[in-house]
Amino acid sequence: ANRVSKTVRFVVGQSAYTFDATVPSTSMLDPSGQLPPGVTITNNSTNPYVVTFNSLGEPIVGGSGWVEVTGGGQTKRITVENYTGKASIP
């Protein structure tokens, strides 16, 4: 909607992520880059896992990847589809 690329980095083994673009104040995303205590990140890529979406929401870096978020005895895998940028949690 803003016609800008956005990059998110997930740091493996930590409870941190970062955004390279400014997150709007109306966003539900935590701009501090902190997940709740005890939640950690793993992935199928290099550390950190980086995904950059172009202005159309297509991944131009990091497509066909996944991030697992673990905490509270549960693990959820977030996948990002190549070309479309569709993110899903099966």
N, C-alpha and C. Protein backbone atom coordinates (compact mmCIF):
# COMPACT_ATOMS: atom_id res chain seq x y z
N ALA A 1 0.82 -1.19 0.00
CA ALA A 1 0.00 0.00 0.00
C ALA A 1 0.86 1.26 0.00
N ASN A 2 2.06 1.16 0.56
CA ASN A 2 2.94 2.33 0.63
C ASN A 2 3.92 2.41 -0.52
N ARG A 3 3.94 1.37 -1.35
CA ARG A 3 4.84 1.30 -2.51
C ARG A 3 6.31 1.41 -2.13
N VAL A 4 6.68 0.75 -1.05
CA VAL A 4 8.07 0.68 -0.64
C VAL A 4 8.41 -0.76 -0.32
N SER A 5 9.69 -1.11 -0.45
CA SER A 5 10.15 -2.43 -0.05
C SER A 5 10.28 -2.48 1.46
N LYS A 6 10.03 -3.65 2.04
CA LYS A 6 10.16 -3.83 3.48
C LYS A 6 10.99 -5.08 3.73
N THR A 7 11.91 -4.99 4.68
CA THR A 7 12.77 -6.12 5.03
C THR A 7 12.57 -6.45 6.49
N VAL A 8 12.48 -7.75 6.78
CA VAL A 8 12.42 -8.21 8.16
C VAL A 8 13.53 -9.24 8.35
N ARG A 9 14.24 -9.14 9.49
CA ARG A 9 15.33 -10.06 9.84
C ARG A 9 14.96 -10.79 11.12
N PHE A 10 15.08 -12.11 11.09
CA PHE A 10 14.85 -12.93 12.28
C PHE A 10 16.20 -13.46 12.74
N VAL A 11 16.56 -13.21 13.98
CA VAL A 11 17.85 -13.63 14.53
C VAL A 11 17.68 -14.98 15.20
N VAL A 12 18.38 -15.99 14.69
CA VAL A 12 18.26 -17.35 15.20
C VAL A 12 18.73 -17.45 16.65
N GLY A 13 17.97 -18.19 17.46
CA GLY A 13 18.34 -18.45 18.85
C GLY A 13 18.07 -17.30 19.79
N GLN A 14 17.45 -16.25 19.29
CA GLN A 14 17.13 -15.11 20.13
C GLN A 14 15.64 -14.81 20.04
N SER A 15 15.20 -13.85 20.79
CA SER A 15 13.81 -13.39 20.73
C SER A 15 13.77 -12.03 20.05
N ALA A 16 14.45 -11.92 18.91
CA ALA A 16 14.56 -10.60 18.27
C ALA A 16 14.30 -10.69 16.77
N TYR A 17 13.74 -9.61 16.27
CA TYR A 17 13.60 -9.41 14.84
C TYR A 17 13.75 -7.91 14.59
N THR A 18 14.06 -7.55 13.35
CA THR A 18 14.19 -6.13 13.02
C THR A 18 13.51 -5.85 11.69
N PHE A 19 13.07 -4.61 11.53
CA PHE A 19 12.50 -4.13 10.28
C PHE A 19 13.41 -3.05 9.74
N ASP A 20 13.70 -3.12 8.44
CA ASP A 20 14.52 -2.09 7.83
C ASP A 20 13.71 -0.87 7.44
N ALA A 21 12.42 -1.04 7.23
CA ALA A 21 11.56 0.10 6.90
C ALA A 21 10.79 0.52 8.15
N THR A 22 10.33 1.74 8.17
CA THR A 22 9.57 2.25 9.31
C THR A 22 8.24 1.54 9.40
N VAL A 23 7.90 1.08 10.59
CA VAL A 23 6.62 0.42 10.83
C VAL A 23 5.62 1.49 11.22
N PRO A 24 4.47 1.58 10.53
CA PRO A 24 3.48 2.60 10.88
C PRO A 24 3.00 2.44 12.32
N SER A 25 2.66 3.54 12.96
CA SER A 25 2.22 3.50 14.36
C SER A 25 0.92 2.72 14.52
N THR A 26 0.16 2.54 13.44
CA THR A 26 -1.09 1.79 13.51
C THR A 26 -0.88 0.30 13.36
N SER A 27 0.37 -0.14 13.14
CA SER A 27 0.68 -1.54 12.94
C SER A 27 0.57 -2.32 14.24
N MET A 28 0.21 -3.60 14.12
CA MET A 28 0.17 -4.50 15.27
C MET A 28 1.54 -5.08 15.56
N LEU A 29 2.53 -4.79 14.71
CA LEU A 29 3.88 -5.33 14.89
C LEU A 29 4.62 -4.53 15.95
N ASP A 30 5.41 -5.21 16.74
CA ASP A 30 6.18 -4.57 17.79
C ASP A 30 7.45 -3.98 17.19
N PRO A 31 7.54 -2.65 17.10
CA PRO A 31 8.72 -2.06 16.47
C PRO A 31 10.00 -2.22 17.27
N SER A 32 9.89 -2.68 18.52
CA SER A 32 11.10 -2.88 19.33
C SER A 32 11.89 -4.08 18.85
N GLY A 33 11.25 -4.97 18.09
CA GLY A 33 11.93 -6.15 17.61
C GLY A 33 12.03 -7.26 18.63
N GLN A 34 11.24 -7.21 19.68
CA GLN A 34 11.31 -8.22 20.72
C GLN A 34 10.06 -9.09 20.72
N LEU A 35 10.27 -10.39 20.72
CA LEU A 35 9.19 -11.34 20.93
C LEU A 35 9.04 -11.54 22.44
N PRO A 36 7.96 -12.14 22.90
CA PRO A 36 7.80 -12.36 24.34
C PRO A 36 8.95 -13.17 24.93
N PRO A 37 9.25 -13.00 26.21
CA PRO A 37 10.32 -13.77 26.87
C PRO A 37 10.11 -15.27 26.69
N GLY A 38 11.19 -15.98 26.41
CA GLY A 38 11.12 -17.43 26.25
C GLY A 38 10.77 -17.89 24.85
N VAL A 39 10.49 -16.97 23.95
CA VAL A 39 10.18 -17.31 22.56
C VAL A 39 11.46 -17.19 21.75
N THR A 40 11.80 -18.24 21.01
CA THR A 40 13.03 -18.23 20.20
C THR A 40 12.71 -18.55 18.75
N ILE A 41 13.68 -18.26 17.89
CA ILE A 41 13.53 -18.38 16.45
C ILE A 41 14.58 -19.34 15.89
N THR A 42 14.15 -20.21 14.97
CA THR A 42 15.07 -21.02 14.16
C THR A 42 14.61 -20.88 12.72
N ASN A 43 15.44 -21.33 11.77
CA ASN A 43 15.05 -21.24 10.37
C ASN A 43 15.79 -22.24 9.51
N ASN A 44 15.49 -22.23 8.20
CA ASN A 44 16.15 -23.14 7.26
C ASN A 44 17.17 -22.41 6.41
N SER A 45 17.65 -21.30 6.88
CA SER A 45 18.54 -20.47 6.09
C SER A 45 19.74 -20.08 6.92
N THR A 46 20.46 -19.10 6.45
CA THR A 46 21.58 -18.58 7.21
C THR A 46 21.07 -17.69 8.33
N ASN A 47 21.93 -17.42 9.29
CA ASN A 47 21.56 -16.55 10.40
C ASN A 47 22.06 -15.15 10.12
N PRO A 48 21.26 -14.13 10.15
CA PRO A 48 19.82 -14.17 10.38
C PRO A 48 19.06 -14.52 9.11
N TYR A 49 17.79 -14.93 9.27
CA TYR A 49 16.92 -15.17 8.13
C TYR A 49 16.35 -13.82 7.71
N VAL A 50 16.56 -13.44 6.46
CA VAL A 50 16.15 -12.13 5.96
C VAL A 50 15.15 -12.31 4.84
N VAL A 51 14.03 -11.60 4.93
CA VAL A 51 13.04 -11.57 3.85
C VAL A 51 12.80 -10.11 3.47
N THR A 52 12.94 -9.82 2.19
CA THR A 52 12.63 -8.49 1.68
C THR A 52 11.49 -8.62 0.69
N PHE A 53 10.43 -7.86 0.94
CA PHE A 53 9.27 -7.83 0.05
C PHE A 53 9.31 -6.53 -0.74
N ASN A 54 9.05 -6.62 -2.06
CA ASN A 54 8.99 -5.39 -2.85
C ASN A 54 7.66 -4.69 -2.61
N SER A 55 7.41 -3.62 -3.32
CA SER A 55 6.21 -2.82 -3.09
C SER A 55 4.92 -3.57 -3.43
N LEU A 56 5.03 -4.68 -4.16
CA LEU A 56 3.86 -5.49 -4.49
C LEU A 56 3.67 -6.66 -3.53
N GLY A 57 4.56 -6.77 -2.55
CA GLY A 57 4.47 -7.87 -1.58
C GLY A 57 5.16 -9.14 -2.02
N GLU A 58 5.91 -9.08 -3.11
CA GLU A 58 6.63 -10.24 -3.61
C GLU A 58 8.00 -10.31 -2.94
N PRO A 59 8.44 -11.50 -2.51
CA PRO A 59 9.76 -11.59 -1.90
C PRO A 59 10.86 -11.48 -2.95
N ILE A 60 11.73 -10.51 -2.79
CA ILE A 60 12.86 -10.36 -3.70
C ILE A 60 14.13 -10.91 -3.07
N VAL A 61 14.09 -11.16 -1.77
CA VAL A 61 15.14 -11.85 -1.01
C VAL A 61 14.44 -12.76 -0.02
N GLY A 62 14.87 -14.00 0.10
CA GLY A 62 14.37 -14.87 1.15
C GLY A 62 13.10 -15.62 0.86
N GLY A 63 12.62 -15.63 -0.37
CA GLY A 63 11.43 -16.42 -0.70
C GLY A 63 11.73 -17.91 -0.57
N SER A 64 10.71 -18.71 -0.46
CA SER A 64 10.81 -20.17 -0.28
C SER A 64 11.55 -20.51 1.00
N GLY A 65 11.36 -19.73 2.02
CA GLY A 65 12.00 -20.00 3.30
C GLY A 65 10.99 -20.17 4.41
N TRP A 66 11.49 -20.47 5.60
CA TRP A 66 10.62 -20.57 6.76
C TRP A 66 11.34 -20.15 8.02
N VAL A 67 10.53 -19.79 8.99
CA VAL A 67 11.01 -19.44 10.33
C VAL A 67 10.15 -20.22 11.30
N GLU A 68 10.76 -20.85 12.29
CA GLU A 68 10.01 -21.48 13.36
C GLU A 68 10.12 -20.64 14.61
N VAL A 69 8.97 -20.39 15.22
CA VAL A 69 8.89 -19.62 16.45
C VAL A 69 8.47 -20.59 17.54
N THR A 70 9.30 -20.70 18.60
CA THR A 70 9.06 -21.67 19.66
C THR A 70 8.92 -20.96 21.00
N GLY A 71 7.90 -21.36 21.74
CA GLY A 71 7.68 -20.81 23.07
C GLY A 71 6.47 -21.45 23.71
N GLY A 72 6.46 -21.54 25.02
CA GLY A 72 5.32 -22.11 25.73
C GLY A 72 5.04 -23.55 25.38
N GLY A 73 6.08 -24.30 25.00
CA GLY A 73 5.89 -25.71 24.66
C GLY A 73 5.33 -25.95 23.27
N GLN A 74 5.20 -24.91 22.47
CA GLN A 74 4.69 -25.05 21.11
C GLN A 74 5.68 -24.48 20.10
N THR A 75 5.63 -25.03 18.88
CA THR A 75 6.44 -24.53 17.78
C THR A 75 5.53 -24.29 16.59
N LYS A 76 5.63 -23.11 16.00
CA LYS A 76 4.86 -22.79 14.80
C LYS A 76 5.83 -22.42 13.69
N ARG A 77 5.61 -22.97 12.52
CA ARG A 77 6.45 -22.68 11.36
C ARG A 77 5.73 -21.70 10.45
N ILE A 78 6.40 -20.61 10.14
CA ILE A 78 5.88 -19.60 9.23
C ILE A 78 6.64 -19.75 7.92
N THR A 79 5.93 -20.05 6.84
CA THR A 79 6.57 -20.21 5.54
C THR A 79 6.25 -19.01 4.65
N VAL A 80 7.20 -18.68 3.79
CA VAL A 80 7.02 -17.60 2.82
C VAL A 80 7.19 -18.20 1.44
N GLU A 81 6.14 -18.10 0.63
CA GLU A 81 6.16 -18.66 -0.72
C GLU A 81 6.98 -17.77 -1.66
N ASN A 82 7.76 -18.41 -2.50
CA ASN A 82 8.51 -17.68 -3.51
C ASN A 82 7.53 -17.09 -4.53
N TYR A 83 7.84 -16.01 -5.12
CA TYR A 83 7.07 -15.29 -6.14
C TYR A 83 5.86 -14.55 -5.59
N THR A 84 4.99 -15.23 -4.82
CA THR A 84 3.76 -14.56 -4.36
C THR A 84 3.94 -13.83 -3.04
N GLY A 85 4.87 -14.30 -2.19
CA GLY A 85 5.07 -13.69 -0.88
C GLY A 85 4.05 -14.14 0.14
N LYS A 86 3.21 -15.10 -0.20
CA LYS A 86 2.20 -15.57 0.74
C LYS A 86 2.88 -16.18 1.95
N ALA A 87 2.53 -15.67 3.12
CA ALA A 87 3.03 -16.21 4.38
C ALA A 87 1.93 -17.06 4.99
N SER A 88 2.30 -18.25 5.47
CA SER A 88 1.29 -19.13 6.06
C SER A 88 1.87 -19.85 7.26
N ILE A 89 0.96 -20.23 8.15
CA ILE A 89 1.29 -21.02 9.33
C ILE A 89 0.42 -22.26 9.26
N PRO A 90 0.98 -23.37 8.72
CA PRO A 90 0.17 -24.58 8.55
C PRO A 90 -0.24 -25.20 9.87
